[in-house]
Amino acid sequence: MIARGARRPQRPIQLSPALLQQQCDDFNARFPVGQKVTVRRDDGEGLITNTRSRADVLSGHSAVIWLDGISGCYLLDRVTPLTENAA
């Protein structure tokens, strides 16, 4: 129960499955499996790793990717590909 006058937490914008698939398709077209990336971890820390899968839509609600050295997957929005110029 939320106290009277308290602000409700904002819900993240839910993208349609078609838009999520487009996000994955765009990522997959630009970056191969094994791409060096940085991922923003749950604690806010950035970690440099590599992709170990193609991006995919998980259960129709989240664009995700699996990464080396990490159990489970991460939201694609939290992954930034590293290019030679950025590294």
Protein backbone atom coordinates (compact mmCIF):
# COMPACT_ATOMS: atom_id res chain seq x y z
CA MET A 1 0.00 0.00 0.00
CA ILE A 2 1.29 3.45 -0.88
CA ALA A 3 0.93 6.16 1.77
CA ARG A 4 -1.39 9.03 0.97
CA GLY A 5 0.47 11.76 -0.90
CA ALA A 6 3.40 9.46 -1.73
CA ARG A 7 4.50 9.26 -5.34
CA ARG A 8 3.92 6.00 -7.10
CA PRO A 9 7.02 4.48 -8.69
CA GLN A 10 7.01 5.01 -12.42
CA ARG A 11 6.68 1.91 -14.54
CA PRO A 12 9.14 1.49 -17.38
CA ILE A 13 7.70 1.95 -20.85
CA GLN A 14 6.73 -1.46 -22.22
CA LEU A 15 7.70 -1.86 -25.87
CA SER A 16 5.66 -4.05 -28.18
CA PRO A 17 7.11 -7.44 -29.11
CA ALA A 18 7.60 -6.16 -32.68
CA LEU A 19 9.70 -3.20 -31.48
CA LEU A 20 11.71 -5.45 -29.18
CA GLN A 21 12.38 -7.80 -32.10
CA GLN A 22 13.47 -4.84 -34.23
CA GLN A 23 15.87 -3.75 -31.47
CA CYS A 24 17.39 -7.26 -31.47
CA ASP A 25 17.53 -7.46 -35.27
CA ASP A 26 19.30 -4.07 -35.45
CA PHE A 27 21.87 -5.12 -32.84
CA ASN A 28 22.46 -8.49 -34.51
CA ALA A 29 22.91 -6.89 -37.94
CA ARG A 30 25.58 -4.52 -36.60
CA PHE A 31 27.47 -6.68 -34.11
CA PRO A 32 28.61 -10.33 -34.25
CA VAL A 33 28.57 -12.87 -31.44
CA GLY A 34 31.84 -12.29 -29.57
CA GLN A 35 31.51 -8.48 -29.78
CA LYS A 36 33.37 -6.64 -27.02
CA VAL A 37 30.84 -4.71 -24.93
CA THR A 38 30.42 -2.95 -21.65
CA VAL A 39 27.44 -3.88 -19.51
CA ARG A 40 25.95 -1.80 -16.70
CA ARG A 41 25.61 -4.25 -13.81
CA ASP A 42 22.81 -4.17 -11.22
CA ASP A 43 25.03 -2.18 -8.83
CA GLY A 44 25.67 0.45 -11.54
CA GLU A 45 29.24 -0.71 -12.16
CA GLY A 46 30.35 -1.13 -15.77
CA LEU A 47 31.96 -4.41 -16.81
CA ILE A 48 33.78 -5.11 -20.06
CA THR A 49 32.97 -8.53 -21.52
CA ASN A 50 31.95 -10.18 -24.82
CA THR A 51 28.62 -11.32 -26.16
CA ARG A 52 28.12 -15.07 -26.28
CA SER A 53 24.80 -15.09 -28.13
CA ARG A 54 22.74 -13.10 -30.54
CA ALA A 55 20.27 -10.66 -29.01
CA ASP A 56 16.80 -12.17 -28.61
CA VAL A 57 13.37 -11.33 -27.22
CA LEU A 58 12.82 -13.16 -23.93
CA SER A 59 9.25 -14.36 -23.31
CA GLY A 60 7.82 -11.58 -25.49
CA HIS A 61 8.70 -8.78 -23.05
CA SER A 62 12.45 -8.05 -22.96
CA ALA A 63 15.27 -7.64 -25.49
CA VAL A 64 18.22 -9.49 -23.94
CA ILE A 65 21.66 -10.88 -24.65
CA TRP A 66 23.91 -13.42 -22.93
CA LEU A 67 27.45 -12.36 -21.99
CA ASP A 68 30.73 -14.13 -21.18
CA GLY A 69 31.37 -14.61 -17.47
CA ILE A 70 27.83 -13.68 -16.44
CA SER A 71 25.15 -16.12 -15.37
CA GLY A 72 21.84 -15.36 -17.06
CA CYS A 73 21.17 -12.57 -19.52
CA TYR A 74 21.09 -8.78 -19.46
CA LEU A 75 18.70 -6.29 -21.00
CA LEU A 76 20.05 -5.13 -24.32
CA ASP A 77 19.48 -1.52 -23.16
CA ARG A 78 22.23 -2.04 -20.56
CA VAL A 79 24.80 -3.24 -23.11
CA THR A 80 27.03 -0.88 -25.12
CA PRO A 81 29.18 -2.30 -27.93
CA LEU A 82 32.78 -1.13 -27.82
CA THR A 83 34.39 -0.08 -31.06
CA GLU A 84 38.10 0.33 -31.75
CA ASN A 85 37.71 4.10 -31.45
CA ALA A 86 35.95 3.82 -28.06
CA ALA A 87 38.25 1.19 -26.55
